[in-house]
């Protein structure tokens, strides 16, 4: 019977075909997802601090739902897009976005620079360094999030590239598909602020929320009713 059940992604596709909007995240799901994104931000702070050798602070600035079209329209100028797939207790695609300038800062720190003396644009050397930094940040975040989701969580099929914002840059995601977008703000001492966006389809975001909720508040085993006294 389970084979006849539709996944949330299939349900959303049917709703789109009928002209109806897919179900958004509930208030509870948003609350739990914020906690997961805060864990993600803390992991990035650790990696940036190690790379920069300076004090780094970070936080989740906002969480909102946007279509791929809306998100790409809100981005100004060239961006580093780092796409990957979660695998394990939660599976599915996600994307990290950084402006070209912020990606250059991260690259420079990765290569031992001060994050201030930057080239005018990204080159292959800096792109390679940015991708390595993203790889380290995602590896650290997957390790931290694994304990939150209660099992294995890996990052697979990761790759980064410079892109001009368009809905097509989100590989495997339709332009009208809704994404959960977390905006993360970081401050590097003596360098300045860096902003990252972590975007994931709603079904992936919901899977994180449901898995974390199940781990934090497991269903209580039904208790046996007391037997009547003779």
N, C-alpha and C. Protein backbone atom coordinates (compact mmCIF):
# COMPACT_ATOMS: atom_id res chain seq x y z
N UNK A 1 0.82 -1.21 0.00
CA UNK A 1 0.00 0.00 0.00
C UNK A 1 0.86 1.26 0.00
N UNK A 2 2.01 1.18 0.67
CA UNK A 2 2.89 2.34 0.75
C UNK A 2 3.38 2.78 -0.63
N UNK A 3 3.41 1.82 -1.59
CA UNK A 3 3.87 2.16 -2.93
C UNK A 3 2.88 3.08 -3.64
N UNK A 4 1.61 3.09 -3.18
CA UNK A 4 0.59 3.91 -3.81
C UNK A 4 0.57 5.33 -3.27
N UNK A 5 1.31 5.60 -2.19
CA UNK A 5 1.31 6.92 -1.59
C UNK A 5 2.20 7.87 -2.38
N UNK A 6 1.76 9.11 -2.52
CA UNK A 6 2.53 10.11 -3.23
C UNK A 6 3.49 10.81 -2.29
N UNK A 7 4.66 11.14 -2.79
CA UNK A 7 5.60 11.94 -2.01
C UNK A 7 5.12 13.38 -1.98
N UNK A 8 5.68 14.18 -1.05
CA UNK A 8 5.30 15.59 -0.99
C UNK A 8 5.66 16.30 -2.29
N UNK A 9 6.81 15.91 -2.90
CA UNK A 9 7.23 16.53 -4.16
C UNK A 9 6.22 16.24 -5.27
N UNK A 10 5.68 15.00 -5.30
CA UNK A 10 4.68 14.65 -6.31
C UNK A 10 3.37 15.38 -6.06
N UNK A 11 3.02 15.52 -4.78
CA UNK A 11 1.80 16.27 -4.44
C UNK A 11 1.93 17.72 -4.88
N UNK A 12 3.10 18.32 -4.61
CA UNK A 12 3.33 19.71 -5.01
C UNK A 12 3.24 19.86 -6.53
N UNK A 13 3.77 18.88 -7.25
CA UNK A 13 3.71 18.94 -8.71
C UNK A 13 2.27 18.89 -9.20
N UNK A 14 1.44 18.06 -8.57
CA UNK A 14 0.03 17.98 -8.94
C UNK A 14 -0.68 19.29 -8.62
N UNK A 15 -0.34 19.89 -7.49
CA UNK A 15 -0.96 21.17 -7.12
C UNK A 15 -0.59 22.26 -8.11
N UNK A 16 0.67 22.26 -8.54
CA UNK A 16 1.09 23.26 -9.53
C UNK A 16 0.34 23.06 -10.84
N UNK A 17 0.14 21.79 -11.22
CA UNK A 17 -0.58 21.50 -12.44
C UNK A 17 -2.03 21.93 -12.37
N UNK A 18 -2.59 21.92 -11.17
CA UNK A 18 -3.98 22.34 -10.98
C UNK A 18 -4.10 23.83 -10.72
N UNK A 19 -2.97 24.54 -10.75
CA UNK A 19 -3.00 25.98 -10.50
C UNK A 19 -3.06 26.34 -9.04
N UNK A 20 -2.74 25.40 -8.15
CA UNK A 20 -2.77 25.65 -6.72
C UNK A 20 -1.35 25.72 -6.19
N UNK A 21 -1.14 26.54 -5.17
CA UNK A 21 0.19 26.68 -4.59
C UNK A 21 0.50 25.50 -3.68
N UNK A 22 1.72 24.95 -3.74
CA UNK A 22 2.10 23.87 -2.83
C UNK A 22 2.06 24.36 -1.39
N UNK A 23 1.90 23.44 -0.47
CA UNK A 23 1.83 23.78 0.95
C UNK A 23 3.15 24.35 1.41
N UNK A 24 3.10 25.50 2.05
CA UNK A 24 4.31 26.10 2.60
C UNK A 24 4.67 25.47 3.92
N UNK A 25 5.78 25.91 4.50
CA UNK A 25 6.22 25.40 5.79
C UNK A 25 5.31 25.94 6.88
N UNK A 26 4.97 25.09 7.82
CA UNK A 26 4.18 25.52 8.97
C UNK A 26 5.05 26.34 9.90
N UNK A 27 4.41 27.03 10.85
CA UNK A 27 5.16 27.83 11.82
C UNK A 27 6.13 26.95 12.61
N UNK A 28 5.68 25.74 12.96
CA UNK A 28 6.54 24.82 13.71
C UNK A 28 7.71 24.37 12.86
N UNK A 29 7.45 24.05 11.59
CA UNK A 29 8.53 23.62 10.70
C UNK A 29 9.55 24.74 10.50
N UNK A 30 9.07 25.98 10.38
CA UNK A 30 9.99 27.11 10.25
C UNK A 30 10.85 27.27 11.50
N UNK A 31 10.24 27.10 12.66
CA UNK A 31 10.98 27.22 13.92
C UNK A 31 12.10 26.19 14.00
N UNK A 32 11.77 24.95 13.66
CA UNK A 32 12.77 23.88 13.72
C UNK A 32 13.85 24.10 12.66
N UNK A 33 13.45 24.54 11.47
CA UNK A 33 14.43 24.78 10.41
C UNK A 33 15.37 25.91 10.79
N UNK A 34 14.87 26.91 11.49
CA UNK A 34 15.75 27.99 11.97
C UNK A 34 16.83 27.43 12.88
N UNK A 35 16.46 26.48 13.72
CA UNK A 35 17.45 25.86 14.61
C UNK A 35 18.52 25.14 13.79
N UNK A 36 18.09 24.42 12.75
CA UNK A 36 19.05 23.71 11.89
C UNK A 36 19.97 24.69 11.17
N UNK A 37 19.41 25.79 10.69
CA UNK A 37 20.22 26.79 9.99
C UNK A 37 21.19 27.49 10.94
N UNK A 38 20.79 27.63 12.20
CA UNK A 38 21.70 28.21 13.19
C UNK A 38 22.88 27.28 13.45
N UNK A 39 22.62 25.97 13.45
CA UNK A 39 23.71 24.99 13.57
C UNK A 39 24.63 25.10 12.36
N UNK A 40 24.03 25.23 11.18
CA UNK A 40 24.81 25.40 9.95
C UNK A 40 25.70 26.64 10.06
N UNK A 41 25.11 27.75 10.52
CA UNK A 41 25.87 29.00 10.65
C UNK A 41 27.03 28.85 11.63
N UNK A 42 26.80 28.15 12.73
CA UNK A 42 27.87 27.95 13.72
C UNK A 42 29.03 27.17 13.12
N UNK A 43 28.72 26.18 12.28
CA UNK A 43 29.77 25.40 11.63
C UNK A 43 30.59 26.26 10.67
N UNK A 44 29.90 27.14 9.94
CA UNK A 44 30.59 28.04 9.02
C UNK A 44 31.48 29.00 9.80
N UNK A 45 30.99 29.48 10.95
CA UNK A 45 31.79 30.36 11.80
C UNK A 45 33.11 29.68 12.18
N UNK A 46 33.02 28.41 12.56
CA UNK A 46 34.22 27.67 12.95
C UNK A 46 35.23 27.58 11.82
N UNK A 47 34.75 27.31 10.61
CA UNK A 47 35.65 27.19 9.46
C UNK A 47 36.25 28.55 9.10
N UNK A 48 35.42 29.60 9.07
CA UNK A 48 35.93 30.93 8.74
C UNK A 48 36.95 31.41 9.77
N UNK A 49 36.68 31.11 11.04
CA UNK A 49 37.61 31.50 12.10
C UNK A 49 38.96 30.81 11.92
N UNK A 50 38.91 29.53 11.55
CA UNK A 50 40.15 28.77 11.32
C UNK A 50 40.91 29.34 10.12
N UNK A 51 40.19 29.67 9.05
CA UNK A 51 40.84 30.19 7.85
C UNK A 51 41.43 31.57 8.08
N UNK A 52 40.67 32.42 8.78
CA UNK A 52 41.09 33.81 8.94
C UNK A 52 42.07 33.99 10.09
N UNK A 53 42.04 33.08 11.06
CA UNK A 53 42.85 33.27 12.25
C UNK A 53 42.39 34.48 13.04
N UNK A 54 41.10 34.80 12.90
CA UNK A 54 40.53 35.96 13.57
C UNK A 54 39.20 35.57 14.20
N UNK A 55 38.69 36.47 15.03
CA UNK A 55 37.39 36.24 15.64
C UNK A 55 36.30 36.40 14.59
N UNK A 56 35.37 35.44 14.55
CA UNK A 56 34.27 35.46 13.59
C UNK A 56 32.97 35.21 14.34
N UNK A 57 31.96 35.98 14.02
CA UNK A 57 30.63 35.75 14.58
C UNK A 57 29.66 35.56 13.42
N UNK A 58 28.57 34.88 13.67
CA UNK A 58 27.60 34.64 12.61
C UNK A 58 26.23 34.33 13.15
N UNK A 59 25.23 34.56 12.34
CA UNK A 59 23.86 34.28 12.76
C UNK A 59 22.97 34.10 11.54
N UNK A 60 21.81 33.50 11.79
CA UNK A 60 20.78 33.42 10.77
C UNK A 60 20.01 34.73 10.78
N UNK A 61 20.08 35.48 9.70
CA UNK A 61 19.41 36.79 9.64
C UNK A 61 17.92 36.65 9.35
N UNK A 62 17.58 35.73 8.45
CA UNK A 62 16.17 35.58 8.08
C UNK A 62 15.95 34.23 7.43
N UNK A 63 14.71 33.81 7.44
CA UNK A 63 14.28 32.59 6.74
C UNK A 63 12.98 32.92 6.03
N UNK A 64 12.95 32.70 4.74
CA UNK A 64 11.74 32.98 3.99
C UNK A 64 11.58 31.99 2.85
N UNK A 65 10.38 31.96 2.28
CA UNK A 65 10.10 31.11 1.14
C UNK A 65 10.04 31.97 -0.12
N UNK A 66 10.76 31.53 -1.13
CA UNK A 66 10.77 32.22 -2.41
C UNK A 66 10.80 31.21 -3.54
N UNK A 67 10.24 31.58 -4.67
CA UNK A 67 10.40 30.73 -5.84
C UNK A 67 11.81 30.93 -6.38
N UNK A 68 12.25 29.99 -7.21
CA UNK A 68 13.56 30.12 -7.83
C UNK A 68 13.64 31.40 -8.65
N UNK A 69 12.53 31.77 -9.29
CA UNK A 69 12.48 33.00 -10.07
C UNK A 69 12.64 34.22 -9.17
N UNK A 70 11.92 34.23 -8.05
CA UNK A 70 11.99 35.37 -7.13
C UNK A 70 13.39 35.53 -6.54
N UNK A 71 13.99 34.41 -6.16
CA UNK A 71 15.31 34.47 -5.55
C UNK A 71 16.35 34.97 -6.54
N UNK A 72 16.34 34.44 -7.75
CA UNK A 72 17.33 34.87 -8.74
C UNK A 72 17.15 36.34 -9.10
N UNK A 73 15.90 36.82 -9.10
CA UNK A 73 15.65 38.23 -9.41
C UNK A 73 16.16 39.15 -8.31
N UNK A 74 16.23 38.63 -7.08
CA UNK A 74 16.67 39.45 -5.94
C UNK A 74 18.18 39.55 -5.85
N UNK A 75 18.90 38.75 -6.62
CA UNK A 75 20.37 38.74 -6.56
C UNK A 75 20.94 39.73 -7.57
N UNK A 76 21.84 40.57 -7.10
CA UNK A 76 22.45 41.57 -7.97
C UNK A 76 23.88 41.17 -8.31
N UNK A 77 24.18 41.07 -9.60
CA UNK A 77 25.54 40.80 -10.03
C UNK A 77 25.93 39.34 -9.97
N UNK A 78 27.17 39.08 -10.36
CA UNK A 78 27.70 37.72 -10.41
C UNK A 78 27.76 37.11 -9.01
N UNK A 79 27.43 35.83 -8.92
CA UNK A 79 27.46 35.12 -7.64
C UNK A 79 28.20 33.79 -7.78
N UNK A 80 28.74 33.34 -6.67
CA UNK A 80 29.23 31.98 -6.58
C UNK A 80 28.06 31.11 -6.17
N UNK A 81 27.76 30.11 -6.98
CA UNK A 81 26.71 29.14 -6.66
C UNK A 81 27.39 27.81 -6.36
N UNK A 82 27.19 27.30 -5.16
CA UNK A 82 27.77 26.02 -4.77
C UNK A 82 26.61 25.06 -4.54
N UNK A 83 26.42 24.14 -5.50
CA UNK A 83 25.33 23.19 -5.41
C UNK A 83 25.80 21.85 -4.89
N UNK A 84 24.92 21.17 -4.18
CA UNK A 84 25.27 19.86 -3.61
C UNK A 84 23.99 19.11 -3.26
N UNK A 85 24.17 17.87 -2.82
CA UNK A 85 23.05 17.06 -2.36
C UNK A 85 23.33 16.54 -0.96
N UNK A 86 22.31 16.65 -0.11
CA UNK A 86 22.37 15.97 1.18
C UNK A 86 22.09 14.49 0.95
N UNK A 87 22.74 13.64 1.71
CA UNK A 87 22.50 12.20 1.58
C UNK A 87 22.55 11.58 2.97
N UNK A 88 21.58 10.74 3.27
CA UNK A 88 21.53 10.10 4.58
C UNK A 88 20.14 10.21 5.17
N UNK A 89 20.06 10.67 6.41
CA UNK A 89 18.76 10.82 7.07
C UNK A 89 17.87 11.82 6.33
N UNK A 90 18.49 12.79 5.68
CA UNK A 90 17.79 13.74 4.81
C UNK A 90 18.49 13.72 3.46
N UNK A 91 17.73 13.69 2.39
CA UNK A 91 18.35 13.67 1.07
C UNK A 91 17.67 14.70 0.17
N UNK A 92 18.45 15.23 -0.76
CA UNK A 92 17.91 16.20 -1.70
C UNK A 92 18.89 17.33 -1.94
N UNK A 93 18.60 18.15 -2.96
CA UNK A 93 19.54 19.21 -3.35
C UNK A 93 19.46 20.44 -2.46
N UNK A 94 20.55 21.16 -2.39
CA UNK A 94 20.61 22.46 -1.72
C UNK A 94 21.66 23.31 -2.43
N UNK A 95 21.63 24.61 -2.16
CA UNK A 95 22.52 25.54 -2.85
C UNK A 95 23.00 26.61 -1.87
N UNK A 96 24.30 26.90 -1.92
CA UNK A 96 24.86 28.01 -1.16
C UNK A 96 25.23 29.11 -2.15
N UNK A 97 24.83 30.33 -1.83
CA UNK A 97 25.09 31.47 -2.70
C UNK A 97 25.90 32.53 -1.97
N UNK A 98 26.87 33.11 -2.67
CA UNK A 98 27.65 34.22 -2.14
C UNK A 98 27.92 35.20 -3.27
N UNK A 99 27.88 36.48 -2.98
CA UNK A 99 28.24 37.47 -4.00
C UNK A 99 29.69 37.24 -4.41
N UNK A 100 30.04 37.71 -5.60
CA UNK A 100 31.42 37.52 -6.06
C UNK A 100 32.41 38.15 -5.09
N UNK A 101 32.07 39.33 -4.57
CA UNK A 101 32.98 39.99 -3.62
C UNK A 101 33.18 39.15 -2.37
N UNK A 102 32.07 38.65 -1.80
CA UNK A 102 32.19 37.86 -0.57
C UNK A 102 32.92 36.55 -0.83
N UNK A 103 32.71 35.98 -2.03
CA UNK A 103 33.44 34.76 -2.39
C UNK A 103 34.94 35.05 -2.51
N UNK A 104 35.29 36.23 -3.01
CA UNK A 104 36.70 36.62 -3.10
C UNK A 104 37.32 36.77 -1.71
N UNK A 105 36.56 37.34 -0.78
CA UNK A 105 37.06 37.47 0.59
C UNK A 105 37.35 36.09 1.18
N UNK A 106 36.38 35.18 1.02
CA UNK A 106 36.56 33.82 1.54
C UNK A 106 37.76 33.14 0.89
N UNK A 107 37.89 33.31 -0.43
CA UNK A 107 39.02 32.71 -1.16
C UNK A 107 40.35 33.24 -0.64
N UNK A 108 40.42 34.56 -0.44
CA UNK A 108 41.66 35.18 0.01
C UNK A 108 42.05 34.67 1.40
N UNK A 109 41.06 34.55 2.28
CA UNK A 109 41.33 34.01 3.61
C UNK A 109 41.79 32.56 3.51
N UNK A 110 41.19 31.82 2.60
CA UNK A 110 41.55 30.42 2.40
C UNK A 110 43.01 30.28 1.97
N UNK A 111 43.50 31.27 1.22
CA UNK A 111 44.87 31.21 0.72
C UNK A 111 45.86 31.95 1.61
N UNK A 112 45.41 32.31 2.82
CA UNK A 112 46.31 32.95 3.77
C UNK A 112 46.38 34.45 3.68
N UNK A 113 45.51 35.06 2.88
CA UNK A 113 45.49 36.51 2.76
C UNK A 113 44.74 37.16 3.91
N UNK A 114 44.64 38.50 3.84
CA UNK A 114 43.97 39.23 4.92
C UNK A 114 42.50 39.52 4.61
N UNK A 115 42.04 39.08 3.43
CA UNK A 115 40.64 39.30 3.08
C UNK A 115 40.34 40.71 2.63
N UNK A 116 41.37 41.53 2.45
CA UNK A 116 41.18 42.94 2.10
C UNK A 116 41.77 43.29 0.75
N UNK A 117 42.91 42.71 0.42
CA UNK A 117 43.58 43.00 -0.85
C UNK A 117 43.13 41.97 -1.88
N UNK A 118 42.09 42.35 -2.63
CA UNK A 118 41.42 41.39 -3.51
C UNK A 118 41.59 41.78 -4.98
N UNK A 119 41.58 40.80 -5.87
CA UNK A 119 41.58 41.11 -7.30
C UNK A 119 40.22 41.69 -7.69
N UNK A 120 40.14 42.35 -8.84
CA UNK A 120 38.86 42.95 -9.25
C UNK A 120 37.78 41.93 -9.57
N UNK A 121 38.16 40.72 -9.91
CA UNK A 121 37.18 39.69 -10.24
C UNK A 121 37.75 38.31 -9.94
N UNK A 122 36.87 37.34 -9.89
CA UNK A 122 37.26 35.97 -9.57
C UNK A 122 38.04 35.35 -10.72
N UNK A 123 39.14 34.69 -10.40
CA UNK A 123 39.88 33.91 -11.40
C UNK A 123 39.87 32.45 -10.98
N UNK A 124 40.51 31.59 -11.77
CA UNK A 124 40.46 30.15 -11.50
C UNK A 124 41.07 29.81 -10.14
N UNK A 125 42.15 30.49 -9.78
CA UNK A 125 42.80 30.22 -8.50
C UNK A 125 41.87 30.55 -7.34
N UNK A 126 41.26 31.72 -7.41
CA UNK A 126 40.35 32.13 -6.34
C UNK A 126 39.09 31.27 -6.32
N UNK A 127 38.60 30.88 -7.49
CA UNK A 127 37.42 30.02 -7.55
C UNK A 127 37.70 28.67 -6.90
N UNK A 128 38.88 28.12 -7.18
CA UNK A 128 39.26 26.85 -6.58
C UNK A 128 39.33 26.96 -5.06
N UNK A 129 39.89 28.08 -4.58
CA UNK A 129 39.99 28.29 -3.13
C UNK A 129 38.61 28.46 -2.50
N UNK A 130 37.72 29.17 -3.20
CA UNK A 130 36.36 29.35 -2.69
C UNK A 130 35.64 28.02 -2.59
N UNK A 131 35.79 27.19 -3.61
CA UNK A 131 35.15 25.88 -3.59
C UNK A 131 35.69 25.00 -2.46
N UNK A 132 36.99 25.09 -2.21
CA UNK A 132 37.58 24.31 -1.12
C UNK A 132 37.05 24.79 0.23
N UNK A 133 36.93 26.11 0.38
CA UNK A 133 36.39 26.65 1.63
C UNK A 133 34.95 26.21 1.83
N UNK A 134 34.15 26.25 0.77
CA UNK A 134 32.76 25.80 0.86
C UNK A 134 32.69 24.32 1.21
N UNK A 135 33.58 23.54 0.62
CA UNK A 135 33.62 22.11 0.91
C UNK A 135 33.89 21.86 2.39
N UNK A 136 34.84 22.61 2.95
CA UNK A 136 35.15 22.45 4.37
C UNK A 136 33.98 22.89 5.24
N UNK A 137 33.34 24.00 4.87
CA UNK A 137 32.21 24.50 5.65
C UNK A 137 31.04 23.52 5.63
N UNK A 138 30.76 22.95 4.46
CA UNK A 138 29.66 22.01 4.35
C UNK A 138 29.98 20.70 5.05
N UNK A 139 31.23 20.26 4.97
CA UNK A 139 31.61 19.05 5.69
C UNK A 139 31.43 19.21 7.18
N UNK A 140 31.83 20.38 7.71
CA UNK A 140 31.66 20.65 9.14
C UNK A 140 30.19 20.73 9.52
N UNK A 141 29.40 21.38 8.66
CA UNK A 141 27.97 21.51 8.97
C UNK A 141 27.26 20.17 8.92
N UNK A 142 27.64 19.31 7.97
CA UNK A 142 27.03 17.98 7.89
C UNK A 142 27.32 17.17 9.14
N UNK A 143 28.55 17.28 9.65
CA UNK A 143 28.91 16.58 10.87
C UNK A 143 28.08 17.07 12.05
N UNK A 144 27.91 18.39 12.15
CA UNK A 144 27.12 18.96 13.25
C UNK A 144 25.64 18.61 13.11
N UNK A 145 25.12 18.71 11.89
CA UNK A 145 23.70 18.44 11.67
C UNK A 145 23.36 16.96 11.82
N UNK A 146 24.35 16.09 11.62
CA UNK A 146 24.10 14.65 11.76
C UNK A 146 23.60 14.32 13.16
N UNK A 147 24.17 14.98 14.16
CA UNK A 147 23.72 14.72 15.53
C UNK A 147 22.32 15.27 15.76
N UNK A 148 21.96 16.32 15.02
CA UNK A 148 20.64 16.92 15.18
C UNK A 148 19.56 16.07 14.52
N UNK A 149 19.88 15.48 13.36
CA UNK A 149 18.90 14.64 12.66
C UNK A 149 18.95 13.20 13.13
N UNK A 150 19.89 12.90 14.01
CA UNK A 150 19.93 11.57 14.62
C UNK A 150 20.45 10.46 13.73
N UNK A 151 21.39 10.76 12.87
CA UNK A 151 21.93 9.71 12.00
C UNK A 151 22.91 10.29 10.99
N UNK A 152 23.26 9.47 10.02
CA UNK A 152 24.26 9.87 9.02
C UNK A 152 23.74 11.00 8.14
N UNK A 153 24.60 11.95 7.86
CA UNK A 153 24.29 13.02 6.92
C UNK A 153 25.56 13.38 6.18
N UNK A 154 25.53 13.24 4.87
CA UNK A 154 26.71 13.49 4.04
C UNK A 154 26.41 14.55 2.99
N UNK A 155 27.46 15.15 2.47
CA UNK A 155 27.36 16.09 1.36
C UNK A 155 27.94 15.41 0.13
N UNK A 156 27.15 15.33 -0.94
CA UNK A 156 27.59 14.65 -2.16
C UNK A 156 27.36 15.53 -3.39
N UNK A 157 28.05 15.17 -4.46
CA UNK A 157 27.88 15.82 -5.77
C UNK A 157 28.03 17.33 -5.67
N UNK A 158 29.01 17.79 -4.90
CA UNK A 158 29.19 19.23 -4.70
C UNK A 158 30.05 19.84 -5.80
N UNK A 159 29.66 21.02 -6.25
CA UNK A 159 30.45 21.76 -7.23
C UNK A 159 30.06 23.23 -7.18
N UNK A 160 31.03 24.08 -7.48
CA UNK A 160 30.78 25.51 -7.44
C UNK A 160 31.16 26.17 -8.75
N UNK A 161 30.45 27.25 -9.08
CA UNK A 161 30.73 27.98 -10.31
C UNK A 161 30.24 29.41 -10.16
N UNK A 162 30.84 30.30 -10.93
CA UNK A 162 30.35 31.67 -11.00
C UNK A 162 29.16 31.71 -11.95
N UNK A 163 28.09 32.38 -11.55
CA UNK A 163 26.89 32.41 -12.37
C UNK A 163 26.32 33.82 -12.40
N UNK A 164 25.60 34.10 -13.47
CA UNK A 164 24.75 35.28 -13.51
C UNK A 164 23.36 34.80 -13.09
N UNK A 165 22.76 35.42 -12.09
CA UNK A 165 21.53 34.90 -11.51
C UNK A 165 20.41 34.68 -12.53
N UNK A 166 19.85 33.48 -12.50
CA UNK A 166 18.69 33.12 -13.31
C UNK A 166 18.07 31.88 -12.68
N UNK A 167 16.77 31.65 -12.89
CA UNK A 167 16.14 30.45 -12.31
C UNK A 167 16.82 29.16 -12.75
N UNK A 168 17.41 29.15 -13.95
CA UNK A 168 18.03 27.93 -14.48
C UNK A 168 19.27 27.51 -13.70
N UNK A 169 19.83 28.41 -12.88
CA UNK A 169 21.05 28.04 -12.15
C UNK A 169 20.77 27.02 -11.06
N UNK A 170 19.52 26.92 -10.62
CA UNK A 170 19.17 25.94 -9.60
C UNK A 170 18.84 24.62 -10.29
N UNK A 171 19.86 23.83 -10.54
CA UNK A 171 19.71 22.60 -11.33
C UNK A 171 18.71 21.65 -10.68
N UNK A 172 17.76 21.19 -11.49
CA UNK A 172 16.75 20.25 -10.99
C UNK A 172 15.58 20.90 -10.30
N UNK A 173 15.54 22.24 -10.27
CA UNK A 173 14.46 22.96 -9.60
C UNK A 173 13.74 23.83 -10.63
N UNK A 174 12.42 23.69 -10.73
CA UNK A 174 11.65 24.51 -11.66
C UNK A 174 11.61 25.95 -11.18
N UNK A 175 11.48 26.88 -12.12
CA UNK A 175 11.47 28.29 -11.76
C UNK A 175 10.37 28.67 -10.80
N UNK A 176 9.22 27.98 -10.91
CA UNK A 176 8.09 28.30 -10.03
C UNK A 176 8.14 27.55 -8.71
N UNK A 177 9.08 26.62 -8.58
CA UNK A 177 9.18 25.83 -7.35
C UNK A 177 9.60 26.71 -6.18
N UNK A 178 9.02 26.42 -5.01
CA UNK A 178 9.32 27.21 -3.83
C UNK A 178 10.57 26.69 -3.13
N UNK A 179 11.36 27.62 -2.64
CA UNK A 179 12.59 27.30 -1.91
C UNK A 179 12.52 27.92 -0.52
N UNK A 180 13.07 27.21 0.45
CA UNK A 180 13.31 27.81 1.77
C UNK A 180 14.70 28.44 1.70
N UNK A 181 14.77 29.73 1.98
CA UNK A 181 16.03 30.47 1.83
C UNK A 181 16.44 31.07 3.17
N UNK A 182 17.56 30.60 3.68
CA UNK A 182 18.10 31.15 4.91
C UNK A 182 19.22 32.13 4.59
N UNK A 183 19.12 33.35 5.09
CA UNK A 183 20.17 34.34 4.90
C UNK A 183 21.05 34.36 6.13
N UNK A 184 22.34 34.13 5.93
CA UNK A 184 23.30 34.01 7.02
C UNK A 184 24.29 35.16 6.96
N UNK A 185 24.48 35.83 8.09
CA UNK A 185 25.39 36.97 8.15
C UNK A 185 26.58 36.64 9.04
N UNK A 186 27.78 36.97 8.57
CA UNK A 186 29.00 36.71 9.32
C UNK A 186 29.83 37.99 9.40
N UNK A 187 30.48 38.17 10.52
CA UNK A 187 31.40 39.30 10.68
C UNK A 187 32.77 38.76 11.05
N UNK A 188 33.75 39.09 10.20
CA UNK A 188 35.13 38.68 10.42
C UNK A 188 35.90 39.88 10.95
N UNK A 189 36.50 39.73 12.11
CA UNK A 189 37.25 40.83 12.74
C UNK A 189 38.31 41.38 11.79
N UNK A 190 38.35 42.69 11.66
CA UNK A 190 39.31 43.42 10.83
C UNK A 190 39.10 43.21 9.33
N UNK A 191 38.04 42.49 8.97
CA UNK A 191 37.76 42.26 7.55
C UNK A 191 36.41 42.87 7.17
N UNK A 192 35.37 42.53 7.90
CA UNK A 192 34.04 43.04 7.60
C UNK A 192 33.01 41.93 7.55
N UNK A 193 31.90 42.22 6.89
CA UNK A 193 30.78 41.30 6.86
C UNK A 193 30.78 40.46 5.58
N UNK A 194 30.32 39.23 5.74
CA UNK A 194 30.15 38.29 4.64
C UNK A 194 28.74 37.73 4.75
N UNK A 195 28.05 37.61 3.62
CA UNK A 195 26.69 37.07 3.63
C UNK A 195 26.62 35.82 2.75
N UNK A 196 25.96 34.81 3.25
CA UNK A 196 25.70 33.59 2.48
C UNK A 196 24.20 33.32 2.50
N UNK A 197 23.73 32.70 1.45
CA UNK A 197 22.35 32.21 1.42
C UNK A 197 22.39 30.70 1.24
N UNK A 198 21.60 30.00 2.03
CA UNK A 198 21.42 28.56 1.86
C UNK A 198 19.99 28.34 1.41
N UNK A 199 19.82 27.79 0.21
CA UNK A 199 18.50 27.58 -0.36
C UNK A 199 18.27 26.10 -0.60
N UNK A 200 17.07 25.65 -0.28
CA UNK A 200 16.71 24.25 -0.50
C UNK A 200 15.23 24.15 -0.85
N UNK A 201 14.85 23.20 -1.71
CA UNK A 201 13.43 23.00 -2.01
C UNK A 201 12.64 22.74 -0.73
N UNK A 202 11.35 23.10 -0.76
CA UNK A 202 10.54 22.96 0.45
C UNK A 202 10.47 21.53 0.95
N UNK A 203 10.48 20.54 0.04
CA UNK A 203 10.40 19.16 0.50
C UNK A 203 11.66 18.77 1.28
N UNK A 204 12.82 19.33 0.90
CA UNK A 204 14.05 19.05 1.64
C UNK A 204 14.01 19.76 2.99
N UNK A 205 13.57 21.02 2.98
CA UNK A 205 13.45 21.77 4.24
C UNK A 205 12.49 21.08 5.19
N UNK A 206 11.38 20.61 4.65
CA UNK A 206 10.38 19.92 5.48
C UNK A 206 10.95 18.62 6.03
N UNK A 207 11.75 17.92 5.23
CA UNK A 207 12.36 16.67 5.69
C UNK A 207 13.30 16.93 6.86
N UNK A 208 14.07 18.02 6.79
CA UNK A 208 14.92 18.39 7.92
C UNK A 208 14.07 18.64 9.16
N UNK A 209 13.02 19.45 9.01
CA UNK A 209 12.18 19.80 10.15
C UNK A 209 11.52 18.57 10.76
N UNK A 210 11.01 17.69 9.91
CA UNK A 210 10.33 16.50 10.42
C UNK A 210 11.31 15.56 11.11
N UNK A 211 12.49 15.42 10.53
CA UNK A 211 13.48 14.52 11.13
C UNK A 211 13.96 15.05 12.47
N UNK A 212 14.24 16.34 12.55
CA UNK A 212 14.70 16.93 13.81
C UNK A 212 13.62 16.85 14.87
N UNK A 213 12.38 17.11 14.48
CA UNK A 213 11.26 17.02 15.42
C UNK A 213 11.13 15.61 15.97
N UNK A 214 11.30 14.62 15.10
CA UNK A 214 11.19 13.23 15.53
C UNK A 214 12.30 12.86 16.51
N UNK A 215 13.49 13.43 16.30
CA UNK A 215 14.62 13.14 17.19
C UNK A 215 14.45 13.83 18.54
N UNK A 216 13.99 15.09 18.51
CA UNK A 216 13.85 15.86 19.74
C UNK A 216 12.64 15.44 20.56
N UNK A 217 11.59 15.01 19.88
CA UNK A 217 10.37 14.64 20.59
C UNK A 217 9.84 13.33 20.03
N UNK A 218 10.53 12.21 20.31
CA UNK A 218 10.08 10.91 19.80
C UNK A 218 8.71 10.55 20.35
N UNK A 219 7.98 9.85 19.53
CA UNK A 219 6.65 9.44 19.96
C UNK A 219 6.75 8.51 21.16
N UNK A 220 5.91 8.77 22.13
CA UNK A 220 5.92 7.93 23.31
C UNK A 220 5.28 6.59 23.00
N UNK A 221 5.89 5.56 23.51
CA UNK A 221 5.32 4.23 23.31
C UNK A 221 4.00 4.14 24.04
N UNK A 222 2.97 3.56 23.43
CA UNK A 222 1.67 3.46 24.10
C UNK A 222 1.78 2.63 25.37
N UNK A 223 1.16 3.13 26.42
CA UNK A 223 1.20 2.44 27.70
C UNK A 223 0.02 1.48 27.80
N UNK A 224 0.29 0.35 28.42
CA UNK A 224 -0.77 -0.63 28.59
C UNK A 224 -1.79 -0.12 29.61
N UNK A 225 -3.05 -0.34 29.29
CA UNK A 225 -4.10 0.06 30.23
C UNK A 225 -4.06 -0.87 31.44
N UNK A 226 -4.28 -0.32 32.61
CA UNK A 226 -4.28 -1.18 33.80
C UNK A 226 -5.38 -2.22 33.74
N UNK A 227 -5.02 -3.43 34.14
CA UNK A 227 -6.01 -4.50 34.13
C UNK A 227 -6.97 -4.33 35.29
N UNK A 228 -8.24 -4.60 35.04
CA UNK A 228 -9.22 -4.45 36.14
C UNK A 228 -8.92 -5.43 37.27
N UNK A 229 -9.12 -4.95 38.48
CA UNK A 229 -8.91 -5.80 39.65
C UNK A 229 -10.04 -6.82 39.75
N UNK A 230 -9.67 -8.04 40.09
CA UNK A 230 -10.73 -9.07 40.22
C UNK A 230 -11.66 -8.75 41.38
